[in-house]
N, C-alpha and C. Protein backbone atom coordinates (compact mmCIF):
# COMPACT_ATOMS: atom_id res chain seq x y z
N UNK A 1 109.70 99.62 155.41
CA UNK A 1 110.89 99.39 156.05
C UNK A 1 112.04 100.20 155.44
N UNK A 2 111.93 100.50 154.18
CA UNK A 2 112.92 101.38 153.55
C UNK A 2 113.03 102.71 154.20
N UNK A 3 111.83 103.25 154.52
CA UNK A 3 111.69 104.57 155.14
C UNK A 3 112.47 104.63 156.45
N UNK A 4 112.40 103.61 157.23
CA UNK A 4 113.17 103.61 158.52
C UNK A 4 114.50 102.89 158.41
N UNK A 5 114.92 102.65 157.20
CA UNK A 5 116.23 102.07 156.94
C UNK A 5 116.47 100.68 157.59
N UNK A 6 115.57 99.85 157.53
CA UNK A 6 115.65 98.53 158.14
C UNK A 6 115.46 97.50 157.11
N UNK A 7 116.11 96.32 157.31
CA UNK A 7 115.95 95.16 156.30
C UNK A 7 114.57 94.51 156.43
N UNK A 8 114.03 94.12 155.43
CA UNK A 8 112.72 93.43 155.35
C UNK A 8 112.67 92.24 156.35
N UNK A 9 113.85 91.61 156.54
CA UNK A 9 113.88 90.44 157.37
C UNK A 9 113.48 90.82 158.89
N UNK A 10 113.61 92.10 159.22
CA UNK A 10 113.24 92.52 160.61
C UNK A 10 111.70 92.50 160.67
N UNK A 11 111.08 92.93 159.66
CA UNK A 11 109.57 92.80 159.62
C UNK A 11 109.11 91.34 159.76
N UNK A 12 109.65 90.52 159.00
CA UNK A 12 109.21 89.15 159.10
C UNK A 12 109.51 88.56 160.49
N UNK A 13 110.64 88.84 161.08
CA UNK A 13 110.97 88.40 162.37
C UNK A 13 109.97 88.98 163.43
N UNK A 14 109.65 90.24 163.33
CA UNK A 14 108.67 90.93 164.19
C UNK A 14 107.35 90.23 164.12
N UNK A 15 106.87 89.99 162.81
CA UNK A 15 105.57 89.35 162.63
C UNK A 15 105.55 87.94 163.11
N UNK A 16 106.64 87.23 163.13
CA UNK A 16 106.74 85.88 163.57
C UNK A 16 106.56 85.88 165.13
N UNK A 17 107.11 86.91 165.77
CA UNK A 17 107.05 87.03 167.28
C UNK A 17 105.68 87.64 167.67
N UNK A 18 105.05 88.48 166.86
CA UNK A 18 103.84 89.19 167.13
C UNK A 18 102.78 88.79 166.12
N UNK A 19 102.11 87.62 166.17
CA UNK A 19 101.28 87.20 165.14
C UNK A 19 99.96 88.05 165.06
N UNK A 20 99.58 88.69 166.12
CA UNK A 20 98.43 89.61 166.05
C UNK A 20 98.67 90.79 165.12
N UNK A 21 99.92 91.28 165.02
CA UNK A 21 100.26 92.36 164.13
C UNK A 21 100.22 91.94 162.69
N UNK A 22 100.23 90.60 162.36
CA UNK A 22 100.25 90.27 161.00
C UNK A 22 98.87 90.57 160.39
N UNK A 23 97.76 90.38 161.23
CA UNK A 23 96.45 90.70 160.81
C UNK A 23 96.32 92.18 160.54
N UNK A 24 96.89 92.98 161.41
CA UNK A 24 96.80 94.49 161.31
C UNK A 24 97.54 94.83 160.02
N UNK A 25 98.71 94.29 159.71
CA UNK A 25 99.52 94.62 158.50
C UNK A 25 98.75 94.20 157.35
N UNK A 26 98.10 93.03 157.31
CA UNK A 26 97.42 92.62 156.11
C UNK A 26 96.24 93.56 155.80
N UNK A 27 95.53 93.91 156.88
CA UNK A 27 94.39 94.84 156.64
C UNK A 27 94.90 96.22 156.07
N UNK A 28 96.10 96.68 156.69
CA UNK A 28 96.57 97.92 156.21
C UNK A 28 96.98 97.85 154.72
N UNK A 29 97.55 96.74 154.37
CA UNK A 29 98.08 96.57 152.95
C UNK A 29 96.87 96.62 152.01
N UNK A 30 95.79 95.95 152.35
CA UNK A 30 94.53 95.83 151.58
C UNK A 30 93.97 97.19 151.54
N UNK A 31 93.85 97.93 152.67
CA UNK A 31 93.30 99.27 152.72
C UNK A 31 94.14 100.21 151.74
N UNK A 32 95.47 100.10 151.92
CA UNK A 32 96.31 100.92 151.03
C UNK A 32 96.01 100.69 149.58
N UNK A 33 95.90 99.44 149.22
CA UNK A 33 95.68 99.04 147.78
C UNK A 33 94.35 99.61 147.31
N UNK A 34 93.21 99.50 148.18
CA UNK A 34 91.95 100.11 147.80
C UNK A 34 92.01 101.63 147.73
N UNK A 35 92.73 102.22 148.58
CA UNK A 35 92.73 103.69 148.53
C UNK A 35 93.56 104.21 147.31
N UNK A 36 94.68 103.42 146.96
CA UNK A 36 95.53 103.83 145.81
C UNK A 36 94.68 103.59 144.52
N UNK A 37 93.94 102.47 144.49
CA UNK A 37 93.11 102.24 143.32
C UNK A 37 92.14 103.30 143.10
N UNK A 38 91.43 103.77 144.09
CA UNK A 38 90.47 104.92 144.10
C UNK A 38 91.19 106.27 143.67
N UNK A 39 92.33 106.54 144.15
CA UNK A 39 93.06 107.73 143.73
C UNK A 39 93.41 107.68 142.24
N UNK A 40 93.81 106.51 141.77
CA UNK A 40 94.24 106.41 140.37
C UNK A 40 92.90 106.64 139.50
N UNK A 41 91.90 105.99 139.99
CA UNK A 41 90.60 106.14 139.21
C UNK A 41 90.17 107.58 139.11
N UNK A 42 90.32 108.28 140.23
CA UNK A 42 89.98 109.70 140.27
C UNK A 42 90.86 110.54 139.30
N UNK A 43 92.15 110.25 139.42
CA UNK A 43 93.08 111.06 138.40
C UNK A 43 92.80 110.68 137.04
N UNK A 44 92.56 109.46 136.63
CA UNK A 44 92.42 109.05 135.32
C UNK A 44 91.12 109.66 134.72
N UNK A 45 90.07 109.65 135.46
CA UNK A 45 88.80 110.13 134.87
C UNK A 45 88.51 111.57 135.24
N UNK A 46 88.98 112.08 136.42
CA UNK A 46 88.83 113.42 136.69
C UNK A 46 89.90 114.36 136.04
N UNK A 47 90.91 113.69 135.60
CA UNK A 47 91.87 114.47 134.79
C UNK A 47 93.20 114.80 135.66
N UNK A 48 94.24 114.81 134.93
CA UNK A 48 95.49 115.23 135.48
C UNK A 48 95.71 116.69 135.30
N UNK A 49 95.97 117.38 136.32
CA UNK A 49 96.12 118.89 136.20
C UNK A 49 97.39 119.18 135.30
N UNK A 50 97.10 120.06 134.34
CA UNK A 50 98.19 120.51 133.48
C UNK A 50 98.04 122.03 133.21
N UNK A 51 99.08 122.68 133.16
CA UNK A 51 99.04 124.19 132.82
C UNK A 51 98.73 124.28 131.43
N UNK A 52 97.88 125.17 130.96
CA UNK A 52 97.64 125.46 129.54
C UNK A 52 98.66 126.28 129.02
N UNK A 53 99.14 125.88 127.76
CA UNK A 53 100.13 126.55 127.09
C UNK A 53 99.77 126.85 125.63
N UNK A 54 100.39 127.78 125.06
CA UNK A 54 100.16 128.13 123.70
C UNK A 54 100.96 127.16 122.79
N UNK A 55 100.79 127.27 121.53
CA UNK A 55 101.59 126.37 120.59
C UNK A 55 102.99 126.51 120.75
N UNK A 56 103.49 127.72 121.10
CA UNK A 56 104.92 127.97 121.26
C UNK A 56 105.38 127.61 122.67
N UNK A 57 104.49 127.23 123.57
CA UNK A 57 104.90 126.82 124.96
C UNK A 57 104.72 127.84 125.98
N UNK A 58 104.24 129.10 125.58
CA UNK A 58 104.08 130.06 126.62
C UNK A 58 102.76 129.80 127.42
N UNK A 59 102.91 130.01 128.80
CA UNK A 59 101.83 129.76 129.75
C UNK A 59 100.71 130.71 129.56
N UNK A 60 99.47 130.13 129.37
CA UNK A 60 98.27 130.94 129.17
C UNK A 60 97.74 131.41 130.59
N UNK A 61 97.47 132.68 130.78
CA UNK A 61 96.97 133.18 132.17
C UNK A 61 95.54 133.73 131.93
N UNK A 62 94.91 133.86 133.14
CA UNK A 62 93.62 134.57 133.13
C UNK A 62 93.77 136.01 133.30
N UNK A 63 92.69 136.76 133.57
CA UNK A 63 92.64 138.24 133.70
C UNK A 63 93.62 138.70 134.80
N UNK A 64 93.70 137.90 135.83
CA UNK A 64 94.53 138.26 137.02
C UNK A 64 96.02 137.82 136.92
N UNK A 65 96.34 137.15 135.79
CA UNK A 65 97.75 136.72 135.63
C UNK A 65 98.04 135.29 136.20
N UNK A 66 96.93 134.63 136.69
CA UNK A 66 97.08 133.31 137.17
C UNK A 66 97.09 132.22 136.18
N UNK A 67 98.08 131.42 136.10
CA UNK A 67 98.10 130.28 135.03
C UNK A 67 96.71 129.60 134.99
N UNK A 68 96.27 129.22 133.76
CA UNK A 68 95.04 128.47 133.64
C UNK A 68 95.47 126.99 133.75
N UNK A 69 94.79 126.23 134.61
CA UNK A 69 95.06 124.78 134.68
C UNK A 69 93.97 123.96 134.13
N UNK A 70 94.17 123.14 133.20
CA UNK A 70 93.17 122.16 132.74
C UNK A 70 93.31 120.78 133.25
N UNK A 71 92.13 120.13 133.45
CA UNK A 71 92.21 118.76 133.88
C UNK A 71 91.93 117.87 132.78
N UNK A 72 92.86 117.11 132.31
CA UNK A 72 92.68 116.30 131.07
C UNK A 72 92.54 114.76 131.52
N UNK A 73 91.54 114.06 131.19
CA UNK A 73 91.41 112.69 131.56
C UNK A 73 92.43 111.87 130.90
N UNK A 74 93.01 110.92 131.63
CA UNK A 74 94.10 110.09 131.13
C UNK A 74 93.95 108.65 131.33
N UNK A 75 93.32 107.93 130.50
CA UNK A 75 92.97 106.50 130.75
C UNK A 75 94.21 105.72 130.60
N UNK A 76 95.21 106.13 129.95
CA UNK A 76 96.44 105.33 129.94
C UNK A 76 97.21 105.34 131.33
N UNK A 77 97.02 106.41 132.07
CA UNK A 77 97.56 106.48 133.48
C UNK A 77 96.85 105.44 134.30
N UNK A 78 95.61 105.32 134.14
CA UNK A 78 94.86 104.26 134.97
C UNK A 78 95.35 102.91 134.57
N UNK A 79 95.34 102.64 133.29
CA UNK A 79 95.70 101.38 132.86
C UNK A 79 97.19 100.91 133.21
N UNK A 80 98.05 101.87 133.06
CA UNK A 80 99.44 101.54 133.37
C UNK A 80 99.65 101.37 134.87
N UNK A 81 99.13 102.30 135.72
CA UNK A 81 99.34 102.15 137.17
C UNK A 81 98.63 100.94 137.72
N UNK A 82 97.49 100.64 137.27
CA UNK A 82 96.76 99.54 137.80
C UNK A 82 97.49 98.22 137.45
N UNK A 83 98.00 98.16 136.22
CA UNK A 83 98.79 96.97 135.80
C UNK A 83 99.98 96.90 136.68
N UNK A 84 100.67 97.91 136.88
CA UNK A 84 101.90 97.97 137.58
C UNK A 84 101.78 97.60 139.14
N UNK A 85 100.63 98.03 139.64
CA UNK A 85 100.46 97.86 141.15
C UNK A 85 99.59 96.73 141.52
N UNK A 86 98.86 96.20 140.59
CA UNK A 86 97.96 95.13 140.91
C UNK A 86 98.60 93.90 141.50
N UNK A 87 99.84 93.76 141.19
CA UNK A 87 100.58 92.52 141.60
C UNK A 87 101.06 92.76 143.08
N UNK A 88 100.99 93.97 143.57
CA UNK A 88 101.44 94.27 144.92
C UNK A 88 100.45 93.50 145.93
N UNK A 89 99.27 93.40 145.61
CA UNK A 89 98.32 92.75 146.45
C UNK A 89 98.32 91.30 145.94
N UNK A 90 99.32 90.53 146.25
CA UNK A 90 99.51 89.24 145.71
C UNK A 90 98.52 88.22 146.26
N UNK A 91 98.32 87.15 145.61
CA UNK A 91 97.37 86.14 145.95
C UNK A 91 97.54 85.71 147.42
N UNK A 92 98.70 85.61 147.94
CA UNK A 92 99.02 85.27 149.20
C UNK A 92 98.41 86.29 150.16
N UNK A 93 98.58 87.55 149.90
CA UNK A 93 98.12 88.62 150.73
C UNK A 93 96.54 88.59 150.70
N UNK A 94 95.93 88.30 149.54
CA UNK A 94 94.51 88.24 149.51
C UNK A 94 94.04 87.16 150.43
N UNK A 95 94.70 86.04 150.34
CA UNK A 95 94.37 84.87 151.09
C UNK A 95 94.59 85.19 152.67
N UNK A 96 95.67 85.88 153.02
CA UNK A 96 95.90 86.34 154.39
C UNK A 96 94.72 87.24 154.83
N UNK A 97 94.37 88.17 153.95
CA UNK A 97 93.22 89.09 154.28
C UNK A 97 91.96 88.23 154.57
N UNK A 98 91.65 87.39 153.72
CA UNK A 98 90.30 86.62 154.05
C UNK A 98 90.48 85.77 155.29
N UNK A 99 91.62 85.15 155.40
CA UNK A 99 91.77 84.43 156.82
C UNK A 99 91.76 85.34 157.99
N UNK A 100 92.28 86.51 157.75
CA UNK A 100 92.39 87.43 158.94
C UNK A 100 91.06 88.03 159.27
N UNK A 101 90.16 88.29 158.28
CA UNK A 101 88.87 88.91 158.49
C UNK A 101 87.79 87.86 158.67
N UNK A 102 88.10 86.59 158.29
CA UNK A 102 87.08 85.57 158.41
C UNK A 102 86.57 85.39 159.79
N UNK A 103 87.46 85.38 160.77
CA UNK A 103 87.10 85.02 162.14
C UNK A 103 86.89 86.27 163.01
N UNK A 104 86.78 87.47 162.51
CA UNK A 104 86.52 88.58 163.30
C UNK A 104 85.24 89.32 162.87
N UNK A 105 84.72 90.03 163.79
CA UNK A 105 83.37 90.69 163.47
C UNK A 105 83.60 91.87 162.55
N UNK A 106 82.61 92.46 162.01
CA UNK A 106 82.59 93.61 161.14
C UNK A 106 83.03 94.87 161.95
N UNK A 107 82.58 94.90 163.28
CA UNK A 107 82.85 96.01 164.11
C UNK A 107 84.40 95.96 164.38
N UNK A 108 85.06 94.83 164.69
CA UNK A 108 86.47 94.76 164.86
C UNK A 108 87.31 95.20 163.61
N UNK A 109 86.69 94.75 162.47
CA UNK A 109 87.39 95.07 161.20
C UNK A 109 87.40 96.56 160.99
N UNK A 110 86.19 97.19 161.24
CA UNK A 110 86.11 98.63 161.16
C UNK A 110 87.01 99.38 162.15
N UNK A 111 87.03 98.85 163.34
CA UNK A 111 87.98 99.44 164.36
C UNK A 111 89.33 99.38 163.92
N UNK A 112 89.83 98.23 163.40
CA UNK A 112 91.19 98.12 162.90
C UNK A 112 91.44 99.14 161.76
N UNK A 113 90.57 99.17 160.89
CA UNK A 113 90.77 100.18 159.71
C UNK A 113 90.91 101.62 160.30
N UNK A 114 90.07 101.97 161.26
CA UNK A 114 90.17 103.36 161.92
C UNK A 114 91.46 103.50 162.54
N UNK A 115 92.03 102.46 163.27
CA UNK A 115 93.32 102.53 163.94
C UNK A 115 94.36 102.67 162.88
N UNK A 116 94.26 101.96 161.81
CA UNK A 116 95.31 102.06 160.71
C UNK A 116 95.38 103.46 160.08
N UNK A 117 94.20 103.93 159.86
CA UNK A 117 94.08 105.32 159.27
C UNK A 117 94.77 106.39 160.18
N UNK A 118 94.47 106.25 161.49
CA UNK A 118 94.97 107.22 162.47
C UNK A 118 96.44 107.03 162.83
N UNK A 119 97.06 105.94 162.38
CA UNK A 119 98.47 105.68 162.63
C UNK A 119 99.32 106.76 162.06
N UNK A 120 100.28 107.31 162.76
CA UNK A 120 101.12 108.24 162.12
C UNK A 120 102.09 107.70 161.08
N UNK A 121 102.46 108.37 160.07
CA UNK A 121 103.37 107.87 159.03
C UNK A 121 104.72 107.57 159.68
N UNK A 122 105.50 106.55 159.06
CA UNK A 122 106.79 106.41 159.69
C UNK A 122 107.69 107.63 159.41
N UNK A 123 108.71 107.75 160.32
CA UNK A 123 109.58 108.95 160.16
C UNK A 123 110.37 108.74 158.84
N UNK A 124 110.64 109.77 158.12
CA UNK A 124 111.44 109.72 156.88
C UNK A 124 112.92 109.56 157.36
N UNK A 125 113.61 108.71 156.59
CA UNK A 125 115.06 108.55 157.04
C UNK A 125 115.85 109.81 156.49
N UNK A 126 116.73 110.20 157.35
CA UNK A 126 117.51 111.35 157.03
C UNK A 126 118.76 111.00 156.20
N UNK A 127 119.01 111.82 155.11
CA UNK A 127 120.15 111.54 154.33
C UNK A 127 121.38 112.00 155.12
N UNK A 128 122.33 111.09 155.06
CA UNK A 128 123.61 111.50 155.65
C UNK A 128 124.50 112.22 154.69
N UNK A 129 124.94 113.41 155.19
CA UNK A 129 125.81 114.18 154.36
C UNK A 129 127.32 113.76 154.65
N UNK A 130 127.97 113.53 153.58
CA UNK A 130 129.34 113.16 153.64
C UNK A 130 130.29 114.18 153.26
């Protein structure tokens, strides 16, 4: 809602008037949380890209002059981000997800996930120049 410069109350009002969309939003939130967790895991164990530098801070390059990039595993990143974002999928949302998916078939859940993935991102709000 911040991206489209709207108050959160508009979302709640919309969901109250469109109860079918609440299920879609709940599945989207859960999907986002799962994807974010997977990305954090990949970064933490696959390593965060960093340019190799000498002790004096000079960038180390290969034969062609391209900077050498090392991938250094960072378990603190995973721990910090998971702790920070785990509360985003609150108990109420988990409950909503279970209720939302309890009464629908696996095919419909898969179809909803596909639709959510193919949804275009919201337009970025434009900064007003004063």
